Each structure stands twice: as structure tokens, then as C-alpha cells.
C-alpha atoms as a PDB file:
ATOM      1  CA  UNK A   1      10.863  19.165 -10.598  1.00  0.00           C
ATOM      2  CA  UNK A   2      12.415  15.919  -8.842  1.00  0.00           C
ATOM      3  CA  UNK A   3      12.580  13.762  -5.481  1.00  0.00           C
ATOM      4  CA  UNK A   4      13.279  10.525  -4.478  1.00  0.00           C
ATOM      5  CA  UNK A   5      12.065   8.988  -1.713  1.00  0.00           C
ATOM      6  CA  UNK A   6      13.653   5.942  -0.274  1.00  0.00           C
ATOM      7  CA  UNK A   7      11.357   3.169   0.902  1.00  0.00           C
ATOM      8  CA  UNK A   8      14.244   0.384   1.146  1.00  0.00           C
ATOM      9  CA  UNK A   9      13.697  -1.517   4.145  1.00  0.00           C
ATOM     10  CA  UNK A  10       9.176  -0.347   4.138  1.00  0.00           C
ATOM     11  CA  UNK A  11       6.576  -3.411   4.266  1.00  0.00           C
ATOM     12  CA  UNK A  12       3.894  -3.135   1.751  1.00  0.00           C
ATOM     13  CA  UNK A  13       1.809  -1.170   1.631  1.00  0.00           C
ATOM     14  CA  UNK A  14       4.621   1.560   2.582  1.00  0.00           C
ATOM     15  CA  UNK A  15       5.504   1.887  -0.397  1.00  0.00           C
ATOM     16  CA  UNK A  16       2.987   2.948  -2.630  1.00  0.00           C
ATOM     17  CA  UNK A  17       1.520   5.111   0.462  1.00  0.00           C
ATOM     18  CA  UNK A  18       4.630   6.987   1.460  1.00  0.00           C
ATOM     19  CA  UNK A  19       4.858   7.220  -2.873  1.00  0.00           C
ATOM     20  CA  UNK A  20       0.954   8.675  -2.887  1.00  0.00           C
ATOM     21  CA  UNK A  21       1.813  10.986  -0.311  1.00  0.00           C
ATOM     22  CA  UNK A  22       5.328  12.216  -2.265  1.00  0.00           C
ATOM     23  CA  UNK A  23       3.058  12.437  -5.728  1.00  0.00           C
ATOM     24  CA  UNK A  24       0.336  14.755  -3.840  1.00  0.00           C
ATOM     25  CA  UNK A  25       3.387  17.042  -3.423  1.00  0.00           C
ATOM     26  CA  UNK A  26       4.002  17.768  -6.417  1.00  0.00           C
ATOM     27  CA  UNK A  27       2.489  21.488  -7.556  1.00  0.00           C
ATOM     28  CA  UNK A  28       4.263  21.557 -10.899  1.00  0.00           C
ATOM     29  CA  UNK A  29       5.145  18.398 -13.670  1.00  0.00           C
ATOM     30  CA  UNK A  30       8.498  16.667 -12.333  1.00  0.00           C
ATOM     31  CA  UNK A  31      10.148  13.094 -11.801  1.00  0.00           C
ATOM     32  CA  UNK A  32       9.540  10.862  -8.918  1.00  0.00           C
ATOM     33  CA  UNK A  33      12.205   8.410  -8.002  1.00  0.00           C
ATOM     34  CA  UNK A  34      11.518   5.764  -5.538  1.00  0.00           C
ATOM     35  CA  UNK A  35      14.187   3.556  -4.356  1.00  0.00           C
ATOM     36  CA  UNK A  36      12.992  -0.131  -3.222  1.00  0.00           C
ATOM     37  CA  UNK A  37      14.595  -3.913  -2.171  1.00  0.00           C
ATOM     38  CA  UNK A  38      11.753  -5.754  -3.621  1.00  0.00           C
ATOM     39  CA  UNK A  39      10.100  -6.482  -6.784  1.00  0.00           C
ATOM     40  CA  UNK A  40       6.387  -6.292  -5.016  1.00  0.00           C
ATOM     41  CA  UNK A  41       7.580  -2.912  -4.686  1.00  0.00           C
ATOM     42  CA  UNK A  42       8.665  -2.324  -8.240  1.00  0.00           C
ATOM     43  CA  UNK A  43       5.334  -3.942  -9.876  1.00  0.00           C
ATOM     44  CA  UNK A  44       3.379  -1.830  -7.139  1.00  0.00           C
ATOM     45  CA  UNK A  45       4.338   1.498  -7.728  1.00  0.00           C
ATOM     46  CA  UNK A  46       4.400   0.543 -11.157  1.00  0.00           C
ATOM     47  CA  UNK A  47       0.707  -0.036 -11.181  1.00  0.00           C
ATOM     48  CA  UNK A  48      -0.047   3.221  -8.962  1.00  0.00           C
ATOM     49  CA  UNK A  49       1.912   5.599 -11.221  1.00  0.00           C
ATOM     50  CA  UNK A  50       0.730   3.836 -14.812  1.00  0.00           C
ATOM     51  CA  UNK A  51      -2.949   3.938 -13.295  1.00  0.00           C
ATOM     52  CA  UNK A  52      -2.921   7.772 -12.943  1.00  0.00           C
ATOM     53  CA  UNK A  53      -1.348   7.770 -16.942  1.00  0.00           C
ATOM     54  CA  UNK A  54       2.568   8.790 -15.901  1.00  0.00           C
ATOM     55  CA  UNK A  55       5.349   7.310 -17.552  1.00  0.00           C
ATOM     56  CA  UNK A  56       6.751   4.696 -15.344  1.00  0.00           C
ATOM     57  CA  UNK A  57       9.965   2.499 -15.745  1.00  0.00           C
ATOM     58  CA  UNK A  58      12.184   0.555 -13.174  1.00  0.00           C
ATOM     59  CA  UNK A  59      16.523  -0.152 -12.769  1.00  0.00           C
ATOM     60  CA  UNK A  60      18.089  -2.872 -11.373  1.00  0.00           C
ATOM     61  CA  UNK A  61      20.861  -1.088  -9.208  1.00  0.00           C
ATOM     62  CA  UNK A  62      21.633  -4.270  -7.016  1.00  0.00           C
ATOM     63  CA  UNK A  63      20.499  -7.690  -6.200  1.00  0.00           C
ATOM     64  CA  UNK A  64      17.953  -6.284  -3.471  1.00  0.00           C
ATOM     65  CA  UNK A  65      18.063  -2.588  -4.781  1.00  0.00           C
ATOM     66  CA  UNK A  66      15.161  -1.398  -7.592  1.00  0.00           C
ATOM     67  CA  UNK A  67      14.801   2.178  -8.283  1.00  0.00           C
ATOM     68  CA  UNK A  68      10.917   3.126 -10.138  1.00  0.00           C
ATOM     69  CA  UNK A  69      10.847   6.340 -11.868  1.00  0.00           C
ATOM     70  CA  UNK A  70       7.359   8.275 -12.277  1.00  0.00           C
ATOM     71  CA  UNK A  71       6.941  11.201 -14.657  1.00  0.00           C
ATOM     72  CA  UNK A  72       5.034  13.001 -12.345  1.00  0.00           C
ATOM     73  CA  UNK A  73       1.994  15.143 -13.958  1.00  0.00           C
ATOM     74  CA  UNK A  74       0.805  17.611 -11.247  1.00  0.00           C
ATOM     75  CA  UNK A  75      -2.910  18.445 -12.971  1.00  0.00           C
ATOM     76  CA  UNK A  76      -3.329  14.867 -12.036  1.00  0.00           C
ATOM     77  CA  UNK A  77      -0.938  14.436  -8.674  1.00  0.00           C
ATOM     78  CA  UNK A  78      -3.505  16.607  -6.370  1.00  0.00           C
ATOM     79  CA  UNK A  79      -5.812  13.632  -6.046  1.00  0.00           C
ATOM     80  CA  UNK A  80      -3.554  10.560  -7.085  1.00  0.00           C
ATOM     81  CA  UNK A  81      -6.060   7.744  -6.933  1.00  0.00           C
ATOM     82  CA  UNK A  82      -4.746   4.197  -5.627  1.00  0.00           C
ATOM     83  CA  UNK A  83      -5.727   1.173  -7.432  1.00  0.00           C
ATOM     84  CA  UNK A  84      -6.326  -2.106  -5.583  1.00  0.00           C
ATOM     85  CA  UNK A  85      -4.216  -4.195  -7.089  1.00  0.00           C
ATOM     86  CA  UNK A  86      -1.202  -0.893  -6.563  1.00  0.00           C
ATOM     87  CA  UNK A  87      -1.009  -2.312  -2.980  1.00  0.00           C
ATOM     88  CA  UNK A  88      -1.021  -5.861  -3.244  1.00  0.00           C
ATOM     89  CA  UNK A  89       0.340  -7.494  -0.097  1.00  0.00           C
ATOM     90  CA  UNK A  90       1.133 -11.413   0.673  1.00  0.00           C
ATOM     91  CA  UNK A  91      -1.285 -12.790   3.081  1.00  0.00           C
ATOM     92  CA  UNK A  92      -1.480 -16.709   4.105  1.00  0.00           C
ATOM     93  CA  UNK A  93      -5.106 -18.103   2.758  1.00  0.00           C
ATOM     94  CA  UNK A  94      -7.111 -18.338   6.182  1.00  0.00           C
ATOM     95  CA  UNK A  95      -5.116 -16.034   7.400  1.00  0.00           C
ATOM     96  CA  UNK A  96      -5.168 -13.054  10.775  1.00  0.00           C
ATOM     97  CA  UNK A  97      -8.724 -11.764  11.133  1.00  0.00           C
ATOM     98  CA  UNK A  98      -9.663  -9.053  13.138  1.00  0.00           C
ATOM     99  CA  UNK A  99     -12.422  -8.715  15.407  1.00  0.00           C
ATOM    100  CA  UNK A 100     -14.137  -5.458  16.191  1.00  0.00           C
ATOM    101  CA  UNK A 101     -16.264  -5.513  18.109  1.00  0.00           C
ATOM    102  CA  UNK A 102     -16.765  -2.289  19.568  1.00  0.00           C
ATOM    103  CA  UNK A 103     -16.013   1.773  18.837  1.00  0.00           C
ATOM    104  CA  UNK A 104     -13.597   0.917  21.870  1.00  0.00           C
ATOM    105  CA  UNK A 105     -10.719  -0.819  22.913  1.00  0.00           C
ATOM    106  CA  UNK A 106     -10.633  -2.484  26.799  1.00  0.00           C
ATOM    107  CA  UNK A 107     -13.235  -1.839  29.611  1.00  0.00           C
ATOM    108  CA  UNK A 108     -13.336   1.749  31.016  1.00  0.00           C
ATOM    109  CA  UNK A 109     -13.061   5.231  30.065  1.00  0.00           C
ATOM    110  CA  UNK A 110     -14.602   5.474  26.840  1.00  0.00           C
ATOM    111  CA  UNK A 111     -12.575   8.747  25.895  1.00  0.00           C
ATOM    112  CA  UNK A 112      -9.688   6.892  26.472  1.00  0.00           C
ATOM    113  CA  UNK A 113     -11.260   3.578  24.820  1.00  0.00           C
ATOM    114  CA  UNK A 114     -11.613   5.089  21.462  1.00  0.00           C
ATOM    115  CA  UNK A 115      -8.819   6.632  20.770  1.00  0.00           C
ATOM    116  CA  UNK A 116      -7.176   3.396  22.325  1.00  0.00           C
ATOM    117  CA  UNK A 117      -8.968   1.750  18.959  1.00  0.00           C
ATOM    118  CA  UNK A 118      -7.537   4.593  16.565  1.00  0.00           C
ATOM    119  CA  UNK A 119      -4.442   3.875  17.585  1.00  0.00           C
ATOM    120  CA  UNK A 120      -4.712   0.031  17.135  1.00  0.00           C
ATOM    121  CA  UNK A 121      -6.367   0.417  13.435  1.00  0.00           C
ATOM    122  CA  UNK A 122      -3.891   2.246  12.994  1.00  0.00           C
ATOM    123  CA  UNK A 123      -0.751   0.825  13.592  1.00  0.00           C
ATOM    124  CA  UNK A 124      -2.084  -2.436  11.977  1.00  0.00           C
ATOM    125  CA  UNK A 125      -1.499  -0.481   8.848  1.00  0.00           C
ATOM    126  CA  UNK A 126       2.073  -1.033   9.943  1.00  0.00           C
ATOM    127  CA  UNK A 127       2.488  -4.476  10.370  1.00  0.00           C
ATOM    128  CA  UNK A 128       4.764  -6.566   8.036  1.00  0.00           C
ATOM    129  CA  UNK A 129       1.552  -8.872   7.645  1.00  0.00           C
ATOM    130  CA  UNK A 130      -2.046  -7.212   7.588  1.00  0.00           C
ATOM    131  CA  UNK A 131      -5.007  -9.514   8.310  1.00  0.00           C
ATOM    132  CA  UNK A 132      -6.610 -11.428   5.606  1.00  0.00           C
ATOM    133  CA  UNK A 133     -10.031 -10.180   6.955  1.00  0.00           C
ATOM    134  CA  UNK A 134     -10.923  -7.345   9.433  1.00  0.00           C
ATOM    135  CA  UNK A 135     -14.747  -7.764  10.852  1.00  0.00           C
ATOM    136  CA  UNK A 136     -17.192  -4.545  13.601  1.00  0.00           C
ATOM    137  CA  UNK A 137     -20.320  -5.371  14.388  1.00  0.00           C
ATOM    138  CA  UNK A 138     -22.452  -3.795  17.457  1.00  0.00           C
ATOM    139  CA  UNK A 139     -20.909  -0.708  18.283  1.00  0.00           C
ATOM    140  CA  UNK A 140     -17.585  -1.731  15.956  1.00  0.00           C
ATOM    141  CA  UNK A 141     -20.018  -0.762  12.762  1.00  0.00           C
ATOM    142  CA  UNK A 142     -18.949   3.024  14.190  1.00  0.00           C
ATOM    143  CA  UNK A 143     -15.546   2.294  12.696  1.00  0.00           C
ATOM    144  CA  UNK A 144     -16.293   1.796   8.853  1.00  0.00           C
ATOM    145  CA  UNK A 145     -19.487   4.693   9.258  1.00  0.00           C
ATOM    146  CA  UNK A 146     -18.560   7.877  10.969  1.00  0.00           C
ATOM    147  CA  UNK A 147     -14.667   8.170  12.543  1.00  0.00           C
ATOM    148  CA  UNK A 148     -13.013   9.844   9.731  1.00  0.00           C
ATOM    149  CA  UNK A 149      -9.863   8.326  11.504  1.00  0.00           C
ATOM    150  CA  UNK A 150     -10.504   4.733  11.815  1.00  0.00           C
ATOM    151  CA  UNK A 151     -11.931   4.930   8.043  1.00  0.00           C
ATOM    152  CA  UNK A 152      -8.906   6.365   6.745  1.00  0.00           C
ATOM    153  CA  UNK A 153      -6.851   3.798   8.071  1.00  0.00           C
ATOM    154  CA  UNK A 154      -9.177   0.808   7.433  1.00  0.00           C
ATOM    155  CA  UNK A 155      -9.070   2.659   3.402  1.00  0.00           C
ATOM    156  CA  UNK A 156      -5.479   1.955   3.608  1.00  0.00           C
ATOM    157  CA  UNK A 157      -6.163  -1.744   4.821  1.00  0.00           C
ATOM    158  CA  UNK A 158      -8.512  -2.039   2.832  1.00  0.00           C
ATOM    159  CA  UNK A 159      -6.178  -1.418  -0.970  1.00  0.00           C
ATOM    160  CA  UNK A 160      -3.957  -3.319   1.309  1.00  0.00           C
ATOM    161  CA  UNK A 161      -5.810  -6.351   0.052  1.00  0.00           C
ATOM    162  CA  UNK A 162      -7.931  -6.768   3.147  1.00  0.00           C
ATOM    163  CA  UNK A 163     -11.331  -7.652   3.186  1.00  0.00           C
ATOM    164  CA  UNK A 164     -13.432  -5.563   5.440  1.00  0.00           C
ATOM    165  CA  UNK A 165     -17.166  -6.366   6.774  1.00  0.00           C
ATOM    166  CA  UNK A 166     -19.128  -4.912   8.634  1.00  0.00           C
ATOM    167  CA  UNK A 167     -22.144  -6.802   9.776  1.00  0.00           C
ATOM    168  CA  UNK A 168     -25.341  -5.557   7.788  1.00  0.00           C
ATOM    169  CA  UNK A 169     -28.018  -6.339  11.363  1.00  0.00           C
ATOM    170  CA  UNK A 170     -25.556  -3.883  13.328  1.00  0.00           C
ATOM    171  CA  UNK A 171     -26.009  -0.793  10.659  1.00  0.00           C
ATOM    172  CA  UNK A 172     -29.369  -1.376  10.580  1.00  0.00           C
ATOM    173  CA  UNK A 173     -30.318  -0.953  14.756  1.00  0.00           C
ATOM    174  CA  UNK A 174     -27.734   2.080  14.695  1.00  0.00           C
ATOM    175  CA  UNK A 175     -28.627   3.881  11.929  1.00  0.00           C
ATOM    176  CA  UNK A 176     -25.620   3.729   9.661  1.00  0.00           C
ATOM    177  CA  UNK A 177     -26.478   1.328   6.691  1.00  0.00           C
ATOM    178  CA  UNK A 178     -26.027   4.720   4.214  1.00  0.00           C
ATOM    179  CA  UNK A 179     -23.402   6.265   5.848  1.00  0.00           C
ATOM    180  CA  UNK A 180     -20.595   3.296   5.599  1.00  0.00           C
ATOM    181  CA  UNK A 181     -17.685   4.076   3.810  1.00  0.00           C
ATOM    182  CA  UNK A 182     -14.995   1.639   3.630  1.00  0.00           C
ATOM    183  CA  UNK A 183     -15.289  -2.554   3.192  1.00  0.00           C
ATOM    184  CA  UNK A 184     -18.341  -4.407   2.332  1.00  0.00           C
ATOM    185  CA  UNK A 185     -21.839  -5.194   4.193  1.00  0.00           C
ATOM    186  CA  UNK A 186     -21.421  -8.258   6.399  1.00  0.00           C
ATOM    187  CA  UNK A 187     -24.306 -11.780   7.626  1.00  0.00           C
ATOM    188  CA  UNK A 188     -23.563 -13.626  10.596  1.00  0.00           C
ATOM    189  CA  UNK A 189     -23.561 -16.998   8.002  1.00  0.00           C
ATOM    190  CA  UNK A 190     -20.031 -14.970   6.437  1.00  0.00           C
ATOM    191  CA  UNK A 191     -18.245 -13.519   9.873  1.00  0.00           C
ATOM    192  CA  UNK A 192     -18.866 -17.154  11.504  1.00  0.00           C
ATOM    193  CA  UNK A 193     -16.844 -18.671   8.747  1.00  0.00           C
ATOM    194  CA  UNK A 194     -14.417 -16.058   8.584  1.00  0.00           C
ATOM    195  CA  UNK A 195     -13.698 -16.357  11.986  1.00  0.00           C
ATOM    196  CA  UNK A 196     -13.219 -20.644  11.821  1.00  0.00           C
ATOM    197  CA  UNK A 197     -11.548 -20.399   8.984  1.00  0.00           C
ATOM    198  CA  UNK A 198      -9.320 -17.933  10.424  1.00  0.00           C
ATOM    199  CA  UNK A 199      -5.451 -19.008  10.884  1.00  0.00           C
ATOM    200  CA  UNK A 200      -5.916 -16.647  14.129  1.00  0.00           C
ATOM    201  CA  UNK A 201      -8.480 -14.183  15.360  1.00  0.00           C
ATOM    202  CA  UNK A 202      -7.325 -10.696  17.512  1.00  0.00           C
ATOM    203  CA  UNK A 203      -9.564  -8.898  19.501  1.00  0.00           C
ATOM    204  CA  UNK A 204      -7.951  -5.910  20.937  1.00  0.00           C
END
């Protein structure tokens, strides 16, 4: 079984995310070829493959063209693991911080607000620059605990290098501390410090 995926022009962490999906589609041992246009993607894909025990090699096809080759083992592929380092993206010190103070976005209909918040978090995963930190407090704590859709996308950001922080007091208040599924439990000191040292604070 052989498959080639074209990740040329894709911003980090998309090449690794797409490669993981392709790996998991293998039903038998085979070879996966991934086309990328930068050395960072080559390094991240190499980490992904080696972490799962695959033989990985790469070739330079042009000035900004590379092919990463993975010998995929189907038994491992069904649950391919992604090490944190395999999705590392460059984020500036004191970079952008996203603050999610509710599990809804905007004011008005609650059902619409939750739908908008899910879409916002998903859209963060496809930006050229990921946030340095995502901070969740008040009902925003639900985004890292009980909502499968937002947890999945926040895990993608975390794997790419974003620090996901959830207010511990808020988790206790809503009885969600044991249900945290992504990121770390934080406190008000760290939440304030993250915003004070940020290059930009984004509040949807």
C-alpha cells in the first residue's frame, strides 16, 4: 500500500496533522510520502514517524521542496501517537494569548454562542501563527473538560506548542476538576501574568 499527500504551502501544524490522518487510514503495511516545502515540517514529520517506530527518510526535491517517506506499520497506524515535539511551531516570547471566559461566543442565543465558540477554537488550529497560550476561566472551563469538539481542537493546539490553562478555582466551582481533558490547572497569578506579558490578548 502506498499513498502520497501534498502538504506544500501548509502552515504548521497542518502537515503533521494531515500525516497522522493518512497514517491512521493504512489498513496494511505500506509507504507514506509527504510533500512539504520547509525543513521544520521535515523535522516534525520525522519525529512523528520515529515516535511510532516507523523507518523515516527524507529527500530534498528543490529549493523549497522536500519529500518525507515513512514505512508505515498498519498495526501501529490505527492509533498513531503524536509527540509534543512533532508539532512544534515557532511562537514569539510573550506572544498572542487567547482568553476564553465563557463556553459561548458573543451575546444572545446560547445555542448559537456555543456553536460560534466551537468554530472559533477550530479556526485557531488553522492560523499561520498559533497562540502562545489559551486561558479558560469561568464557564470557559467547560471547554477543556466536557465538550468533546473543543477538547479535540485544543489538544491540537497544545500539541503544536500552545499552553492551555484552565482556572483551578473555576474547575472546583463547577465540579469539573476530575474531568480536565487537556492542558494544565492554573491559578489567578499565572492567568494575570500571562495576560500582562502577552504581546496581544484576544478575547472572542
